């Protein structure tokens, strides 16, 4: 969550799934969504099992030589989230977490490095949700992760006062991926994205899922 997940009846749901269908309609191509492990992105594009990937893929240099990435459709940046309590009012910037316990998904190596840079104490969890739970129940002071995911959970759990503290890095962007060289499909994707941006669809979905 919130980019793609299975709904109550097993159907694909989430911000990126809604955007994908809007882009496909506008770009005049068909999509069939299939769940697959995230670590198979490159291999399943290269062997032709999938024509396209849509699953919280950041547009980063290390992907440039391996696949084609679409035009960006959503920005994000690393961030810290804390409970907005009187006890945490002294925490106003990332550096204030030095020596504090910070939950993190143990698969998020970049986020673990962020905690080390802040001189915090990493508490490893098996998933992002479990990292949030560590903070909810008071086992950690904070959790580190993606700003957009934090915005989603803050919106969904309005009963819990939480505060997001961006980490001072440049914003990054999400995009769709296709096999390198498949410019025909990428042109359709980018054409659909341009229409979704122009007609307000992208703005409406961003507001629905994150604001």
N, C-alpha and C. Protein backbone atom coordinates (compact mmCIF):
# COMPACT_ATOMS: atom_id res chain seq x y z
N UNK A 1 0.85 -1.18 0.00
CA UNK A 1 0.00 0.00 0.00
C UNK A 1 0.90 1.24 0.00
N UNK A 2 0.42 2.30 -0.61
CA UNK A 2 -0.85 2.51 -1.29
C UNK A 2 -0.76 2.38 -2.81
N UNK A 3 0.40 1.99 -3.33
CA UNK A 3 0.58 2.01 -4.78
C UNK A 3 -0.15 0.87 -5.47
N UNK A 4 0.00 -0.32 -4.93
CA UNK A 4 -0.75 -1.47 -5.46
C UNK A 4 -0.89 -2.51 -4.36
N UNK A 5 -2.10 -3.04 -4.25
CA UNK A 5 -2.39 -4.09 -3.27
C UNK A 5 -3.66 -4.80 -3.69
N UNK A 6 -3.94 -5.93 -3.07
CA UNK A 6 -5.15 -6.69 -3.40
C UNK A 6 -6.31 -6.19 -2.56
N UNK A 7 -7.44 -5.91 -3.21
CA UNK A 7 -8.63 -5.46 -2.51
C UNK A 7 -9.31 -6.59 -1.77
N UNK A 8 -10.48 -6.31 -1.19
CA UNK A 8 -11.20 -7.29 -0.39
C UNK A 8 -11.53 -8.56 -1.16
N UNK A 9 -11.76 -8.43 -2.46
CA UNK A 9 -12.10 -9.59 -3.29
C UNK A 9 -10.92 -10.05 -4.14
N UNK A 10 -9.73 -9.61 -3.77
CA UNK A 10 -8.53 -10.03 -4.49
C UNK A 10 -8.21 -9.22 -5.73
N UNK A 11 -9.03 -8.21 -6.02
CA UNK A 11 -8.80 -7.41 -7.21
C UNK A 11 -7.67 -6.40 -6.97
N UNK A 12 -6.88 -6.09 -8.01
CA UNK A 12 -5.81 -5.10 -7.87
C UNK A 12 -6.39 -3.73 -7.50
N UNK A 13 -5.77 -3.08 -6.54
CA UNK A 13 -6.26 -1.79 -6.07
C UNK A 13 -5.06 -0.90 -5.76
N UNK A 14 -5.32 0.37 -5.57
CA UNK A 14 -4.26 1.29 -5.19
C UNK A 14 -4.10 2.44 -6.17
N UNK A 15 -3.33 3.43 -5.75
CA UNK A 15 -3.09 4.62 -6.57
C UNK A 15 -2.56 4.27 -7.96
N UNK A 16 -1.52 3.45 -7.98
CA UNK A 16 -0.88 3.16 -9.25
C UNK A 16 -1.74 2.30 -10.16
N UNK A 17 -2.58 1.45 -9.57
CA UNK A 17 -3.47 0.63 -10.37
C UNK A 17 -4.54 1.50 -11.04
N UNK A 18 -5.09 2.45 -10.29
CA UNK A 18 -6.08 3.35 -10.88
C UNK A 18 -5.45 4.20 -11.97
N UNK A 19 -4.24 4.70 -11.70
CA UNK A 19 -3.56 5.51 -12.71
C UNK A 19 -3.23 4.68 -13.94
N UNK A 20 -2.79 3.45 -13.74
CA UNK A 20 -2.43 2.57 -14.86
C UNK A 20 -3.61 2.39 -15.81
N UNK A 21 -4.78 2.13 -15.27
CA UNK A 21 -5.95 1.91 -16.13
C UNK A 21 -6.35 3.19 -16.86
N UNK A 22 -6.20 4.34 -16.18
CA UNK A 22 -6.50 5.61 -16.84
C UNK A 22 -5.51 5.88 -17.97
N UNK A 23 -4.24 5.58 -17.72
CA UNK A 23 -3.20 5.79 -18.73
C UNK A 23 -3.41 4.85 -19.91
N UNK A 24 -3.76 3.60 -19.64
CA UNK A 24 -3.99 2.64 -20.71
C UNK A 24 -5.16 3.06 -21.60
N UNK A 25 -6.22 3.55 -20.97
CA UNK A 25 -7.37 4.00 -21.74
C UNK A 25 -7.01 5.20 -22.61
N UNK A 26 -6.29 6.16 -22.01
CA UNK A 26 -5.91 7.36 -22.75
C UNK A 26 -4.87 7.06 -23.82
N UNK A 27 -3.99 6.09 -23.54
CA UNK A 27 -2.94 5.73 -24.50
C UNK A 27 -3.37 4.68 -25.50
N UNK A 28 -4.60 4.18 -25.34
CA UNK A 28 -5.21 3.22 -26.26
C UNK A 28 -4.44 1.89 -26.32
N UNK A 29 -4.22 1.32 -25.12
CA UNK A 29 -3.68 -0.05 -25.05
C UNK A 29 -4.35 -0.76 -23.89
N UNK A 30 -4.32 -2.09 -23.90
CA UNK A 30 -4.98 -2.90 -22.89
C UNK A 30 -3.98 -3.38 -21.84
N UNK A 31 -4.47 -3.54 -20.61
CA UNK A 31 -3.61 -4.06 -19.55
C UNK A 31 -4.32 -5.19 -18.80
N UNK A 32 -3.55 -6.16 -18.39
CA UNK A 32 -4.00 -7.21 -17.49
C UNK A 32 -2.99 -7.25 -16.35
N UNK A 33 -3.46 -7.01 -15.13
CA UNK A 33 -2.56 -6.90 -13.98
C UNK A 33 -2.30 -8.28 -13.38
N UNK A 34 -1.03 -8.60 -13.17
CA UNK A 34 -0.60 -9.87 -12.58
C UNK A 34 0.36 -9.56 -11.43
N UNK A 35 0.14 -10.16 -10.28
CA UNK A 35 1.05 -9.96 -9.15
C UNK A 35 2.33 -10.77 -9.35
N UNK A 36 3.45 -10.19 -8.98
CA UNK A 36 4.75 -10.87 -9.09
C UNK A 36 5.71 -10.26 -8.08
N UNK A 37 6.72 -11.01 -7.64
CA UNK A 37 7.70 -10.48 -6.69
C UNK A 37 8.44 -9.28 -7.27
N UNK A 38 8.64 -8.27 -6.43
CA UNK A 38 9.26 -7.02 -6.89
C UNK A 38 10.68 -7.25 -7.41
N UNK A 39 11.37 -8.24 -6.86
CA UNK A 39 12.76 -8.45 -7.28
C UNK A 39 12.89 -9.13 -8.64
N UNK A 40 11.75 -9.35 -9.32
CA UNK A 40 11.79 -9.95 -10.65
C UNK A 40 11.52 -8.93 -11.76
N UNK A 41 11.53 -7.65 -11.42
CA UNK A 41 11.22 -6.61 -12.42
C UNK A 41 12.07 -6.77 -13.67
N UNK A 42 13.38 -6.74 -13.51
CA UNK A 42 14.27 -6.78 -14.66
C UNK A 42 14.15 -8.08 -15.44
N UNK A 43 14.15 -9.21 -14.75
CA UNK A 43 14.14 -10.51 -15.44
C UNK A 43 12.84 -10.74 -16.20
N UNK A 44 11.70 -10.36 -15.63
CA UNK A 44 10.42 -10.62 -16.29
C UNK A 44 10.17 -9.67 -17.46
N UNK A 45 10.79 -8.50 -17.45
CA UNK A 45 10.72 -7.63 -18.62
C UNK A 45 11.61 -8.18 -19.73
N UNK A 46 12.81 -8.60 -19.36
CA UNK A 46 13.78 -9.07 -20.36
C UNK A 46 13.35 -10.37 -21.03
N UNK A 47 12.71 -11.28 -20.25
CA UNK A 47 12.31 -12.56 -20.86
C UNK A 47 10.92 -12.51 -21.50
N UNK A 48 10.30 -11.34 -21.47
CA UNK A 48 9.02 -11.17 -22.14
C UNK A 48 7.81 -11.66 -21.38
N UNK A 49 8.00 -12.09 -20.13
CA UNK A 49 6.85 -12.55 -19.35
C UNK A 49 5.87 -11.42 -19.14
N UNK A 50 6.39 -10.23 -18.85
CA UNK A 50 5.55 -9.04 -18.69
C UNK A 50 6.02 -7.96 -19.66
N UNK A 51 5.07 -7.19 -20.16
CA UNK A 51 5.40 -6.08 -21.05
C UNK A 51 5.71 -4.80 -20.27
N UNK A 52 5.21 -4.74 -19.04
CA UNK A 52 5.26 -3.47 -18.30
C UNK A 52 5.24 -3.76 -16.81
N UNK A 53 5.87 -2.88 -16.03
CA UNK A 53 5.81 -2.98 -14.56
C UNK A 53 5.27 -1.68 -13.99
N UNK A 54 4.40 -1.82 -12.98
CA UNK A 54 3.85 -0.66 -12.28
C UNK A 54 3.78 -1.03 -10.80
N UNK A 55 4.78 -0.59 -10.05
CA UNK A 55 4.81 -1.01 -8.64
C UNK A 55 5.77 -0.17 -7.82
N UNK A 56 5.53 1.14 -7.75
CA UNK A 56 6.39 1.99 -6.94
C UNK A 56 7.83 2.01 -7.41
N UNK A 57 8.04 2.08 -8.73
CA UNK A 57 9.39 2.06 -9.28
C UNK A 57 9.95 3.48 -9.36
N UNK A 58 11.03 3.72 -8.63
CA UNK A 58 11.67 5.02 -8.71
C UNK A 58 12.47 5.16 -9.99
N UNK A 59 12.47 6.36 -10.56
CA UNK A 59 13.27 6.63 -11.75
C UNK A 59 14.68 6.98 -11.28
N UNK A 60 15.54 6.00 -11.28
CA UNK A 60 16.89 6.16 -10.74
C UNK A 60 17.93 5.74 -11.78
N UNK A 61 19.14 6.29 -11.71
CA UNK A 61 20.17 6.01 -12.72
C UNK A 61 20.47 4.53 -12.90
N UNK A 62 20.46 3.76 -11.81
CA UNK A 62 20.82 2.35 -11.93
C UNK A 62 19.81 1.54 -12.74
N UNK A 63 18.63 2.08 -13.00
CA UNK A 63 17.66 1.39 -13.85
C UNK A 63 17.79 1.79 -15.32
N UNK A 64 18.49 2.88 -15.59
CA UNK A 64 18.55 3.43 -16.94
C UNK A 64 19.15 2.46 -17.95
N UNK A 65 20.12 1.66 -17.54
CA UNK A 65 20.77 0.72 -18.45
C UNK A 65 20.03 -0.61 -18.55
N UNK A 66 19.00 -0.79 -17.73
CA UNK A 66 18.34 -2.08 -17.66
C UNK A 66 16.92 -2.08 -18.23
N UNK A 67 16.27 -0.92 -18.25
CA UNK A 67 14.88 -0.84 -18.70
C UNK A 67 14.55 0.58 -19.11
N UNK A 68 13.45 0.74 -19.81
CA UNK A 68 12.95 2.08 -20.15
C UNK A 68 12.00 2.54 -19.06
N UNK A 69 12.17 3.77 -18.61
CA UNK A 69 11.27 4.34 -17.61
C UNK A 69 10.44 5.45 -18.25
N UNK A 70 9.19 5.52 -17.84
CA UNK A 70 8.28 6.52 -18.39
C UNK A 70 8.58 7.91 -17.85
N UNK A 71 7.83 8.88 -18.34
CA UNK A 71 7.85 10.21 -17.74
C UNK A 71 7.38 10.08 -16.29
N UNK A 72 7.87 10.93 -15.39
CA UNK A 72 7.47 10.83 -13.98
C UNK A 72 6.01 11.18 -13.77
N UNK A 73 5.40 10.54 -12.75
CA UNK A 73 4.00 10.87 -12.44
C UNK A 73 3.76 11.21 -10.98
N UNK A 74 4.76 10.99 -10.11
CA UNK A 74 4.57 11.31 -8.69
C UNK A 74 5.93 11.47 -8.03
N UNK A 75 6.09 12.55 -7.25
CA UNK A 75 7.35 12.75 -6.54
C UNK A 75 7.29 12.12 -5.16
N UNK A 76 8.46 11.87 -4.59
CA UNK A 76 8.57 11.35 -3.23
C UNK A 76 9.95 11.67 -2.70
N UNK A 77 10.15 11.50 -1.41
CA UNK A 77 11.47 11.66 -0.82
C UNK A 77 11.54 10.87 0.48
N UNK A 78 12.74 10.54 0.92
CA UNK A 78 12.86 9.87 2.22
C UNK A 78 12.31 10.77 3.32
N UNK A 79 11.73 10.16 4.33
CA UNK A 79 11.15 10.94 5.42
C UNK A 79 11.12 10.13 6.70
N UNK A 80 10.89 10.84 7.78
CA UNK A 80 10.71 10.25 9.10
C UNK A 80 9.28 10.54 9.54
N UNK A 81 8.63 9.58 10.18
CA UNK A 81 7.33 9.86 10.78
C UNK A 81 7.38 9.55 12.27
N UNK A 82 6.80 10.46 13.07
CA UNK A 82 6.74 10.29 14.51
C UNK A 82 5.31 10.53 14.98
N UNK A 83 5.00 10.04 16.17
CA UNK A 83 3.72 10.37 16.79
C UNK A 83 3.77 11.83 17.22
N UNK A 84 2.71 12.56 16.93
CA UNK A 84 2.68 13.99 17.27
C UNK A 84 2.17 14.15 18.70
N UNK A 85 3.06 13.89 19.65
CA UNK A 85 2.73 13.93 21.07
C UNK A 85 3.54 15.02 21.76
N UNK A 86 3.13 15.43 22.97
CA UNK A 86 3.93 16.43 23.70
C UNK A 86 5.37 15.98 23.91
N UNK A 87 5.56 14.68 24.11
CA UNK A 87 6.91 14.17 24.35
C UNK A 87 7.81 14.33 23.12
N UNK A 88 7.20 14.42 21.95
CA UNK A 88 8.00 14.49 20.72
C UNK A 88 8.13 15.89 20.14
N UNK A 89 7.68 16.90 20.88
CA UNK A 89 7.73 18.26 20.34
C UNK A 89 9.16 18.76 20.15
N UNK A 90 10.10 18.18 20.87
CA UNK A 90 11.50 18.59 20.71
C UNK A 90 12.10 18.05 19.40
N UNK A 91 11.39 17.12 18.77
CA UNK A 91 11.87 16.56 17.50
C UNK A 91 11.24 17.35 16.35
N UNK A 92 12.02 18.21 15.75
CA UNK A 92 11.54 19.06 14.67
C UNK A 92 12.28 18.84 13.35
N UNK A 93 13.43 18.20 13.43
CA UNK A 93 14.23 17.94 12.23
C UNK A 93 14.89 16.58 12.37
N UNK A 94 15.31 15.97 11.27
CA UNK A 94 15.88 14.61 11.35
C UNK A 94 17.02 14.48 12.35
N UNK A 95 17.85 15.49 12.45
CA UNK A 95 19.01 15.42 13.34
C UNK A 95 18.62 15.28 14.80
N UNK A 96 17.39 15.66 15.13
CA UNK A 96 16.92 15.55 16.52
C UNK A 96 16.71 14.10 16.94
N UNK A 97 16.81 13.18 16.00
CA UNK A 97 16.59 11.76 16.30
C UNK A 97 17.89 11.03 16.66
N UNK A 98 18.98 11.74 16.79
CA UNK A 98 20.25 11.12 17.19
C UNK A 98 20.06 10.41 18.53
N UNK A 99 20.44 9.13 18.56
CA UNK A 99 20.32 8.34 19.77
C UNK A 99 18.94 7.76 20.02
N UNK A 100 17.96 8.10 19.15
CA UNK A 100 16.59 7.61 19.32
C UNK A 100 16.38 6.31 18.54
N UNK A 101 15.40 5.53 18.96
CA UNK A 101 15.06 4.29 18.25
C UNK A 101 14.19 4.61 17.05
N UNK A 102 14.54 4.02 15.90
CA UNK A 102 13.83 4.28 14.65
C UNK A 102 13.55 2.95 13.96
N UNK A 103 12.28 2.66 13.72
CA UNK A 103 11.89 1.41 13.07
C UNK A 103 12.13 1.49 11.57
N UNK A 104 12.49 0.34 10.97
CA UNK A 104 12.75 0.30 9.54
C UNK A 104 12.54 -1.12 9.03
N UNK A 105 12.01 -1.23 7.81
CA UNK A 105 11.90 -2.53 7.14
C UNK A 105 13.31 -3.02 6.85
N UNK A 106 13.63 -4.23 7.28
CA UNK A 106 15.01 -4.70 7.13
C UNK A 106 15.43 -4.88 5.68
N UNK A 107 14.47 -4.86 4.76
CA UNK A 107 14.83 -4.93 3.35
C UNK A 107 15.19 -3.58 2.76
N UNK A 108 14.93 -2.51 3.50
CA UNK A 108 15.21 -1.16 3.00
C UNK A 108 16.61 -0.70 3.35
N UNK A 109 17.59 -1.15 2.56
CA UNK A 109 18.98 -0.85 2.88
C UNK A 109 19.26 0.65 2.87
N UNK A 110 18.65 1.38 1.94
CA UNK A 110 18.86 2.82 1.88
C UNK A 110 18.36 3.49 3.16
N UNK A 111 17.22 3.02 3.66
CA UNK A 111 16.66 3.60 4.88
C UNK A 111 17.50 3.26 6.11
N UNK A 112 18.07 2.06 6.12
CA UNK A 112 18.96 1.70 7.22
C UNK A 112 20.17 2.63 7.22
N UNK A 113 20.68 2.94 6.03
CA UNK A 113 21.81 3.85 5.91
C UNK A 113 21.44 5.25 6.40
N UNK A 114 20.20 5.66 6.16
CA UNK A 114 19.74 6.97 6.64
C UNK A 114 19.78 7.01 8.16
N UNK A 115 19.29 5.95 8.80
CA UNK A 115 19.30 5.90 10.26
C UNK A 115 20.73 5.98 10.79
N UNK A 116 21.63 5.27 10.16
CA UNK A 116 23.03 5.31 10.57
C UNK A 116 23.58 6.72 10.43
N UNK A 117 23.19 7.41 9.35
CA UNK A 117 23.65 8.78 9.14
C UNK A 117 23.12 9.75 10.18
N UNK A 118 21.93 9.45 10.70
CA UNK A 118 21.32 10.29 11.74
C UNK A 118 21.81 9.92 13.14
N UNK A 119 22.65 8.87 13.19
CA UNK A 119 23.14 8.35 14.47
C UNK A 119 21.99 7.86 15.35
N UNK A 120 20.96 7.31 14.68
CA UNK A 120 19.85 6.72 15.41
C UNK A 120 20.09 5.24 15.66
N UNK A 121 19.15 4.62 16.37
CA UNK A 121 19.24 3.19 16.69
C UNK A 121 18.18 2.45 15.88
N UNK A 122 18.61 1.68 14.90
CA UNK A 122 17.68 0.99 14.01
C UNK A 122 17.03 -0.20 14.69
N UNK A 123 15.70 -0.29 14.55
CA UNK A 123 14.94 -1.45 15.01
C UNK A 123 14.35 -2.10 13.76
N UNK A 124 14.84 -3.28 13.40
CA UNK A 124 14.46 -3.92 12.14
C UNK A 124 13.14 -4.67 12.24
N UNK A 125 12.31 -4.54 11.20
CA UNK A 125 11.04 -5.25 11.11
C UNK A 125 10.96 -5.98 9.78
N UNK A 126 10.04 -6.94 9.68
CA UNK A 126 9.91 -7.75 8.47
C UNK A 126 9.10 -7.07 7.37
N UNK A 127 8.43 -5.97 7.68
CA UNK A 127 7.65 -5.26 6.67
C UNK A 127 7.50 -3.81 7.10
N UNK A 128 7.07 -2.99 6.14
CA UNK A 128 6.87 -1.57 6.47
C UNK A 128 5.74 -1.41 7.48
N UNK A 129 4.66 -2.19 7.31
CA UNK A 129 3.55 -2.09 8.24
C UNK A 129 3.99 -2.42 9.66
N UNK A 130 4.82 -3.44 9.83
CA UNK A 130 5.30 -3.81 11.16
C UNK A 130 6.20 -2.72 11.73
N UNK A 131 6.91 -2.01 10.86
CA UNK A 131 7.71 -0.87 11.33
C UNK A 131 6.80 0.22 11.88
N UNK A 132 5.72 0.49 11.17
CA UNK A 132 4.74 1.46 11.67
C UNK A 132 4.17 1.03 13.01
N UNK A 133 3.87 -0.25 13.12
CA UNK A 133 3.30 -0.77 14.36
C UNK A 133 4.25 -0.57 15.53
N UNK A 134 5.55 -0.73 15.30
CA UNK A 134 6.53 -0.50 16.35
C UNK A 134 6.41 0.92 16.89
N UNK A 135 6.19 1.87 15.99
CA UNK A 135 6.01 3.26 16.42
C UNK A 135 4.67 3.47 17.10
N UNK A 136 3.61 2.89 16.53
CA UNK A 136 2.27 3.05 17.11
C UNK A 136 2.23 2.62 18.57
N UNK A 137 2.86 1.49 18.87
CA UNK A 137 2.77 0.93 20.23
C UNK A 137 3.85 1.47 21.16
N UNK A 138 4.72 2.33 20.63
CA UNK A 138 5.71 2.96 21.50
C UNK A 138 7.03 2.24 21.64
N UNK A 139 7.25 1.20 20.82
CA UNK A 139 8.53 0.49 20.89
C UNK A 139 9.66 1.29 20.25
N UNK A 140 9.31 2.20 19.34
CA UNK A 140 10.30 3.10 18.75
C UNK A 140 9.74 4.52 18.75
N UNK A 141 10.64 5.48 18.64
CA UNK A 141 10.23 6.88 18.60
C UNK A 141 9.71 7.25 17.21
N UNK A 142 10.31 6.63 16.18
CA UNK A 142 10.00 7.03 14.81
C UNK A 142 10.09 5.85 13.87
N UNK A 143 9.70 6.10 12.62
CA UNK A 143 9.87 5.11 11.55
C UNK A 143 10.38 5.87 10.33
N UNK A 144 11.27 5.25 9.57
CA UNK A 144 11.82 5.89 8.38
C UNK A 144 11.26 5.20 7.14
N UNK A 145 11.00 5.99 6.08
CA UNK A 145 10.44 5.40 4.88
C UNK A 145 10.19 6.42 3.80
N UNK A 146 9.16 6.17 3.00
CA UNK A 146 8.81 6.97 1.84
C UNK A 146 7.74 7.99 2.21
N UNK A 147 7.95 9.24 1.83
CA UNK A 147 7.02 10.31 2.21
C UNK A 147 5.59 10.04 1.74
N UNK A 148 5.42 9.48 0.55
CA UNK A 148 4.07 9.24 0.03
C UNK A 148 3.36 8.13 0.80
N UNK A 149 4.10 7.10 1.21
CA UNK A 149 3.49 6.05 2.01
C UNK A 149 3.06 6.61 3.36
N UNK A 150 3.88 7.47 3.93
CA UNK A 150 3.51 8.11 5.19
C UNK A 150 2.25 8.96 5.03
N UNK A 151 2.15 9.69 3.93
CA UNK A 151 0.97 10.52 3.70
C UNK A 151 -0.29 9.66 3.63
N UNK A 152 -0.16 8.50 2.98
CA UNK A 152 -1.31 7.60 2.88
C UNK A 152 -1.74 7.11 4.25
N UNK A 153 -0.80 6.62 5.06
CA UNK A 153 -1.16 6.10 6.38
C UNK A 153 -1.65 7.19 7.31
N UNK A 154 -1.11 8.38 7.18
CA UNK A 154 -1.59 9.50 7.99
C UNK A 154 -3.03 9.82 7.64
N UNK A 155 -3.37 9.75 6.37
CA UNK A 155 -4.74 9.98 5.91
C UNK A 155 -5.67 8.88 6.38
N UNK A 156 -5.22 7.62 6.27
CA UNK A 156 -6.06 6.49 6.65
C UNK A 156 -6.23 6.35 8.15
N UNK A 157 -5.23 6.76 8.92
CA UNK A 157 -5.28 6.66 10.38
C UNK A 157 -5.35 8.05 11.00
N UNK A 158 -6.40 8.78 10.62
CA UNK A 158 -6.57 10.14 11.14
C UNK A 158 -6.82 10.15 12.65
N UNK A 159 -7.14 8.97 13.22
CA UNK A 159 -7.36 8.87 14.66
C UNK A 159 -6.05 8.91 15.44
N UNK A 160 -4.93 8.75 14.75
CA UNK A 160 -3.62 8.79 15.40
C UNK A 160 -2.88 10.04 14.91
N UNK A 161 -2.53 10.92 15.84
CA UNK A 161 -1.81 12.15 15.47
C UNK A 161 -0.37 11.81 15.12
N UNK A 162 0.00 12.06 13.87
CA UNK A 162 1.35 11.77 13.40
C UNK A 162 1.91 12.97 12.65
N UNK A 163 3.21 13.05 12.63
CA UNK A 163 3.89 14.15 11.97
C UNK A 163 4.98 13.60 11.06
N UNK A 164 5.06 14.14 9.84
CA UNK A 164 6.05 13.72 8.85
C UNK A 164 7.17 14.75 8.79
N UNK A 165 8.41 14.28 8.89
CA UNK A 165 9.58 15.15 8.81
C UNK A 165 10.40 14.75 7.59
N UNK A 166 10.37 15.55 6.52
CA UNK A 166 11.16 15.21 5.33
C UNK A 166 12.65 15.20 5.64
N UNK A 167 13.36 14.32 4.97
CA UNK A 167 14.81 14.28 5.09
C UNK A 167 15.39 15.08 3.94
N UNK A 168 16.33 15.93 4.25
CA UNK A 168 16.82 16.92 3.29
C UNK A 168 17.54 16.38 2.09
N UNK A 169 16.83 15.68 1.25
CA UNK A 169 17.39 15.20 0.00
C UNK A 169 16.49 15.67 -1.15
N UNK A 170 17.03 15.69 -2.35
CA UNK A 170 16.24 16.08 -3.50
C UNK A 170 15.09 15.10 -3.70
N UNK A 171 13.98 15.62 -4.22
CA UNK A 171 12.85 14.76 -4.50
C UNK A 171 13.19 13.78 -5.62
N UNK A 172 12.61 12.59 -5.50
CA UNK A 172 12.74 11.57 -6.53
C UNK A 172 11.36 11.36 -7.16
N UNK A 173 11.29 10.52 -8.19
CA UNK A 173 10.04 10.38 -8.93
C UNK A 173 9.76 8.92 -9.28
N UNK A 174 8.46 8.59 -9.30
CA UNK A 174 8.02 7.27 -9.71
C UNK A 174 7.68 7.27 -11.20
N UNK A 175 7.85 6.09 -11.83
CA UNK A 175 7.47 5.95 -13.23
C UNK A 175 7.10 4.50 -13.53
N UNK A 176 6.57 4.25 -14.72
CA UNK A 176 6.30 2.90 -15.20
C UNK A 176 7.52 2.40 -15.97
N UNK A 177 7.70 1.08 -16.00
CA UNK A 177 8.87 0.50 -16.68
C UNK A 177 8.45 -0.48 -17.77
N UNK A 178 9.21 -0.49 -18.88
CA UNK A 178 9.05 -1.49 -19.94
C UNK A 178 10.44 -1.98 -20.33
N UNK A 179 10.48 -3.05 -21.11
CA UNK A 179 11.75 -3.60 -21.58
C UNK A 179 12.49 -2.56 -22.41
N UNK A 180 13.80 -2.49 -22.21
CA UNK A 180 14.61 -1.56 -22.97
C UNK A 180 14.47 -1.84 -24.46
N UNK A 181 14.19 -0.80 -25.22
CA UNK A 181 13.99 -0.95 -26.65
C UNK A 181 12.53 -0.97 -27.07
N UNK A 182 11.62 -1.18 -26.11
CA UNK A 182 10.19 -1.23 -26.45
C UNK A 182 9.62 0.19 -26.48
N UNK A 183 10.09 0.95 -27.45
CA UNK A 183 9.68 2.35 -27.54
C UNK A 183 8.22 2.50 -27.97
N UNK A 184 7.70 1.51 -28.69
CA UNK A 184 6.30 1.60 -29.14
C UNK A 184 5.35 1.64 -27.94
N UNK A 185 5.54 0.72 -26.99
CA UNK A 185 4.69 0.71 -25.80
C UNK A 185 4.97 1.93 -24.93
N UNK A 186 6.23 2.31 -24.80
CA UNK A 186 6.55 3.47 -23.97
C UNK A 186 5.93 4.74 -24.52
N UNK A 187 5.89 4.88 -25.83
CA UNK A 187 5.24 6.05 -26.42
C UNK A 187 3.76 6.11 -26.05
N UNK A 188 3.10 4.95 -26.05
CA UNK A 188 1.69 4.90 -25.67
C UNK A 188 1.51 5.26 -24.19
N UNK A 189 2.40 4.74 -23.34
CA UNK A 189 2.33 5.04 -21.91
C UNK A 189 2.51 6.53 -21.67
N UNK A 190 3.53 7.11 -22.28
CA UNK A 190 3.78 8.54 -22.07
C UNK A 190 2.67 9.41 -22.64
N UNK A 191 2.07 8.95 -23.74
CA UNK A 191 0.95 9.68 -24.31
C UNK A 191 -0.24 9.64 -23.35
N UNK A 192 -0.48 8.46 -22.76
CA UNK A 192 -1.56 8.33 -21.79
C UNK A 192 -1.31 9.14 -20.53
N UNK A 193 -0.05 9.16 -20.08
CA UNK A 193 0.31 9.96 -18.90
C UNK A 193 0.08 11.44 -19.16
N UNK A 194 0.47 11.89 -20.34
CA UNK A 194 0.30 13.31 -20.68
C UNK A 194 -1.17 13.70 -20.64
N UNK A 195 -2.04 12.82 -21.13
CA UNK A 195 -3.47 13.10 -21.11
C UNK A 195 -4.00 13.09 -19.68
N UNK A 196 -3.51 12.13 -18.85
CA UNK A 196 -3.96 12.05 -17.46
C UNK A 196 -3.54 13.28 -16.66
N UNK A 197 -2.40 13.84 -17.01
CA UNK A 197 -1.95 15.07 -16.36
C UNK A 197 -2.78 16.26 -16.84
N UNK A 198 -3.03 16.32 -18.14
CA UNK A 198 -3.73 17.47 -18.72
C UNK A 198 -5.19 17.55 -18.31
N UNK A 199 -5.85 16.40 -18.18
CA UNK A 199 -7.30 16.43 -17.89
C UNK A 199 -7.62 16.38 -16.40
N UNK A 200 -6.60 16.39 -15.55
CA UNK A 200 -6.83 16.43 -14.10
C UNK A 200 -6.93 15.07 -13.43
N UNK A 201 -6.86 13.99 -14.22
CA UNK A 201 -6.98 12.65 -13.63
C UNK A 201 -5.87 12.38 -12.62
N UNK A 202 -4.64 12.70 -12.97
CA UNK A 202 -3.51 12.45 -12.07
C UNK A 202 -3.66 13.26 -10.78
N UNK A 203 -4.03 14.52 -10.90
CA UNK A 203 -4.21 15.35 -9.70
C UNK A 203 -5.31 14.79 -8.80
N UNK A 204 -6.40 14.33 -9.41
CA UNK A 204 -7.51 13.79 -8.63
C UNK A 204 -7.11 12.51 -7.89
N UNK A 205 -6.35 11.64 -8.54
CA UNK A 205 -5.91 10.40 -7.90
C UNK A 205 -4.89 10.69 -6.79
N UNK A 206 -4.01 11.64 -7.02
CA UNK A 206 -3.03 12.02 -5.99
C UNK A 206 -3.75 12.54 -4.75
N UNK A 207 -4.76 13.36 -4.96
CA UNK A 207 -5.53 13.89 -3.83
C UNK A 207 -6.28 12.78 -3.12
N UNK A 208 -6.87 11.87 -3.88
CA UNK A 208 -7.65 10.77 -3.30
C UNK A 208 -6.80 9.89 -2.39
N UNK A 209 -5.58 9.58 -2.80
CA UNK A 209 -4.77 8.61 -2.08
C UNK A 209 -3.81 9.21 -1.06
N UNK A 210 -3.46 10.49 -1.23
CA UNK A 210 -2.39 11.02 -0.38
C UNK A 210 -2.73 12.30 0.38
N UNK A 211 -3.86 12.93 0.10
CA UNK A 211 -4.14 14.22 0.75
C UNK A 211 -5.41 14.16 1.59
